[in-house]
Structure formats: structure tokens, C-alpha cells
N, C-alpha and C. Protein backbone atom coordinates (compact mmCIF):
# COMPACT_ATOMS: atom_id res chain seq x y z
N UNK A 1 -172.62 34.03 107.27
CA UNK A 1 -171.67 33.15 108.38
C UNK A 1 -170.35 33.22 108.33
N UNK A 2 -169.60 33.58 109.48
CA UNK A 2 -168.42 33.97 109.46
C UNK A 2 -167.49 32.50 109.34
N UNK A 3 -166.46 32.16 108.65
CA UNK A 3 -165.30 31.46 108.63
C UNK A 3 -164.37 31.60 109.81
N UNK A 4 -163.91 30.40 110.32
CA UNK A 4 -162.92 30.50 111.17
C UNK A 4 -161.90 30.09 110.61
N UNK A 5 -161.11 31.31 110.66
CA UNK A 5 -159.34 31.86 110.15
C UNK A 5 -158.46 31.41 111.30
N UNK A 6 -158.29 30.09 111.52
CA UNK A 6 -156.90 30.86 112.73
C UNK A 6 -155.66 29.93 111.79
N UNK A 7 -154.49 30.07 112.67
CA UNK A 7 -153.03 29.70 112.18
C UNK A 7 -153.08 28.53 112.61
N UNK A 8 -151.74 28.06 112.34
CA UNK A 8 -151.66 26.46 112.98
C UNK A 8 -151.57 26.29 114.38
N UNK A 9 -150.86 27.30 114.66
CA UNK A 9 -150.45 27.36 116.29
C UNK A 9 -151.90 27.99 117.06
N UNK A 10 -152.97 28.63 116.07
CA UNK A 10 -154.26 28.77 117.01
C UNK A 10 -155.05 27.67 117.16
N UNK A 11 -154.43 26.54 116.06
CA UNK A 11 -155.30 25.56 116.06
C UNK A 11 -154.67 24.46 117.10
N UNK A 12 -153.60 24.49 117.07
CA UNK A 12 -152.96 23.53 118.53
C UNK A 12 -153.27 23.90 119.64
N UNK A 13 -153.73 25.41 119.89
CA UNK A 13 -153.88 26.11 120.98
C UNK A 13 -155.51 25.36 121.42
N UNK A 14 -156.08 25.88 120.30
CA UNK A 14 -157.36 25.31 120.63
C UNK A 14 -157.68 23.61 120.99
N UNK A 15 -157.21 22.81 120.61
CA UNK A 15 -156.99 21.71 120.72
C UNK A 15 -156.51 21.03 122.25
N UNK A 16 -155.02 21.84 122.68
CA UNK A 16 -154.49 21.67 123.82
C UNK A 16 -156.09 22.11 124.85
N UNK A 17 -156.23 23.42 124.59
CA UNK A 17 -157.57 23.76 125.61
C UNK A 17 -158.50 23.02 125.81
N UNK A 18 -159.05 22.23 124.74
CA UNK A 18 -160.19 21.57 124.59
C UNK A 18 -159.84 20.09 125.88
N UNK A 19 -158.47 20.05 125.22
CA UNK A 19 -158.06 18.58 125.97
C UNK A 19 -157.77 18.98 127.66
N UNK A 20 -157.33 20.40 127.95
CA UNK A 20 -157.62 20.71 129.02
C UNK A 20 -158.54 20.99 130.00
N UNK A 21 -159.72 21.35 129.14
CA UNK A 21 -161.31 21.88 129.43
C UNK A 21 -161.76 20.16 129.93
N UNK A 22 -161.45 19.16 129.26
CA UNK A 22 -161.99 18.12 129.64
C UNK A 22 -161.21 17.10 130.70
N UNK A 23 -160.31 17.66 130.90
CA UNK A 23 -159.42 17.22 131.88
C UNK A 23 -159.86 17.45 132.82
N UNK A 24 -160.27 18.51 133.17
CA UNK A 24 -160.72 19.83 134.65
C UNK A 24 -162.47 19.25 134.56
N UNK A 25 -163.01 19.12 133.60
CA UNK A 25 -164.09 18.60 133.84
C UNK A 25 -164.56 17.18 133.92
N UNK A 26 -163.65 16.12 133.82
CA UNK A 26 -163.41 14.66 134.33
C UNK A 26 -163.05 14.74 135.93
N UNK A 27 -162.19 16.16 136.25
CA UNK A 27 -161.54 15.75 137.43
C UNK A 27 -162.69 15.55 138.48
N UNK A 28 -164.17 16.55 138.31
CA UNK A 28 -165.21 15.99 139.17
C UNK A 28 -165.11 14.76 139.69
N UNK A 29 -165.00 13.73 138.67
CA UNK A 29 -165.42 12.14 138.85
C UNK A 29 -163.79 11.84 139.11
N UNK A 30 -163.04 12.51 140.12
CA UNK A 30 -161.69 11.54 140.18
C UNK A 30 -161.01 11.04 138.99
N UNK A 31 -161.18 11.39 137.78
CA UNK A 31 -160.60 10.69 137.08
C UNK A 31 -159.61 11.68 135.94
N UNK A 32 -158.55 11.37 135.75
CA UNK A 32 -157.30 12.29 135.25
C UNK A 32 -156.95 11.86 133.67
N UNK A 33 -158.09 12.48 132.70
CA UNK A 33 -157.89 11.92 131.22
C UNK A 33 -156.44 12.33 130.64
N UNK A 34 -155.79 12.94 130.87
CA UNK A 34 -154.12 12.91 130.89
C UNK A 34 -153.28 11.66 131.33
N UNK A 35 -152.76 11.52 132.59
CA UNK A 35 -152.81 10.59 132.76
C UNK A 35 -152.86 9.31 132.81
N UNK A 36 -154.31 8.89 132.55
CA UNK A 36 -155.23 7.58 132.11
C UNK A 36 -154.04 7.41 130.92
N UNK A 37 -154.44 8.45 129.92
CA UNK A 37 -153.53 8.34 128.45
C UNK A 37 -151.92 8.11 128.33
N UNK A 38 -151.34 8.96 129.29
CA UNK A 38 -149.99 9.08 129.08
C UNK A 38 -149.50 8.48 130.32
N UNK A 39 -149.95 7.88 131.33
CA UNK A 39 -148.85 7.78 132.35
C UNK A 39 -148.77 8.86 133.28
N UNK A 40 -147.67 9.15 134.27
CA UNK A 40 -147.26 9.64 135.14
C UNK A 40 -146.08 10.49 134.90
N UNK A 41 -145.40 10.19 133.67
CA UNK A 41 -143.98 10.57 133.17
C UNK A 41 -144.27 11.88 132.97
N UNK A 42 -142.59 12.15 132.25
CA UNK A 42 -142.78 13.53 131.96
C UNK A 42 -143.63 14.03 130.86
N UNK A 43 -143.73 13.22 129.74
CA UNK A 43 -144.55 13.38 128.56
C UNK A 43 -146.08 14.08 129.29
N UNK A 44 -146.66 13.60 130.32
CA UNK A 44 -147.91 14.33 130.98
C UNK A 44 -147.36 15.43 131.54
N UNK A 45 -146.01 15.79 132.16
CA UNK A 45 -145.88 17.47 132.63
C UNK A 45 -145.50 18.46 131.10
N UNK A 46 -145.35 17.67 130.48
CA UNK A 46 -144.95 18.28 129.01
C UNK A 46 -146.31 18.78 128.60
N UNK A 47 -147.41 17.93 128.82
CA UNK A 47 -148.66 18.37 128.09
C UNK A 47 -149.59 19.09 128.76
N UNK A 48 -149.19 19.27 130.30
CA UNK A 48 -149.80 20.16 131.08
C UNK A 48 -149.13 21.74 131.03
N UNK A 49 -147.66 21.23 130.52
CA UNK A 49 -146.94 22.70 130.23
C UNK A 49 -148.02 23.46 129.07
N UNK A 50 -148.18 22.68 128.32
CA UNK A 50 -148.07 22.99 126.88
C UNK A 50 -149.65 23.20 126.87
N UNK A 51 -150.46 22.87 127.60
CA UNK A 51 -152.04 23.33 127.71
C UNK A 51 -151.56 24.77 128.64
N UNK A 52 -151.27 25.17 129.47
CA UNK A 52 -150.84 26.29 130.09
C UNK A 52 -150.50 27.56 129.17
N UNK A 53 -149.74 26.92 128.46
CA UNK A 53 -148.58 27.83 127.56
C UNK A 53 -150.09 28.26 126.29
N UNK A 54 -150.69 27.17 126.18
CA UNK A 54 -151.93 27.60 124.91
C UNK A 54 -153.01 28.48 125.49
N UNK A 55 -153.22 28.56 126.97
CA UNK A 55 -154.12 29.38 127.25
C UNK A 55 -153.71 31.23 127.49
N UNK A 56 -152.39 31.16 127.77
CA UNK A 56 -151.93 32.27 127.90
C UNK A 56 -151.64 32.57 126.32
N UNK A 57 -151.42 32.06 125.43
CA UNK A 57 -151.26 32.16 124.00
C UNK A 57 -153.21 32.81 123.60
N UNK A 58 -153.68 32.02 124.03
CA UNK A 58 -155.13 32.26 123.52
C UNK A 58 -155.33 33.94 124.22
N UNK A 59 -155.26 34.06 125.69
CA UNK A 59 -155.69 35.16 125.93
C UNK A 59 -154.88 36.39 125.59
N UNK A 60 -153.98 36.26 125.23
CA UNK A 60 -153.15 37.36 124.71
C UNK A 60 -153.44 37.72 123.33
N UNK A 61 -154.12 36.66 122.47
CA UNK A 61 -154.55 36.73 120.96
C UNK A 61 -155.94 37.61 121.35
N UNK A 62 -156.91 37.23 122.13
CA UNK A 62 -157.72 37.67 122.79
C UNK A 62 -157.71 39.43 122.91
N UNK A 63 -156.74 39.64 123.91
CA UNK A 63 -156.53 41.11 124.35
C UNK A 63 -156.40 41.66 123.22
N UNK A 64 -155.21 41.21 122.16
CA UNK A 64 -154.63 42.21 120.94
C UNK A 64 -155.97 42.50 120.44
N UNK A 65 -156.61 41.78 119.94
CA UNK A 65 -157.72 42.08 119.24
C UNK A 65 -158.85 42.77 119.31
N UNK A 66 -158.88 43.29 120.98
CA UNK A 66 -159.61 44.25 121.36
C UNK A 66 -159.45 45.46 121.03
């Protein structure tokens, strides 16, 4: 069985992608998890930006490893 070895940045990106995925899944029910937890301020926009950066980071990592 293979062990998961990821850097700290890899784990942070993974967690952010899970948060983003859950947020999109809950959008079906007109519920925004990030806004519910953090409000509508700048922190929410920062989280959305970090989720986007995490997606780009993971995409690049996957493409480099091929």
C-alpha cells in the first residue's frame, strides 16, 4: 500500500480544495458554506482566492509528475 507523502503546501492545497468542493456541492441547495462561516468580508474573498490558487498548484503538480 502506497503512503501519501505530501509537502505542507500540498496538504494546505488539499484542504482548500476539499473546502471548495464542499462549497460547490452545497451550492446546489443555495447554501454557501464559506460565507456562512466567515461572512461577506475580505476574509471570504481571500479564502476564495486561496482555493483558486490551490487548484492551480495541484494542476501544475499533476502535470509535472506525468
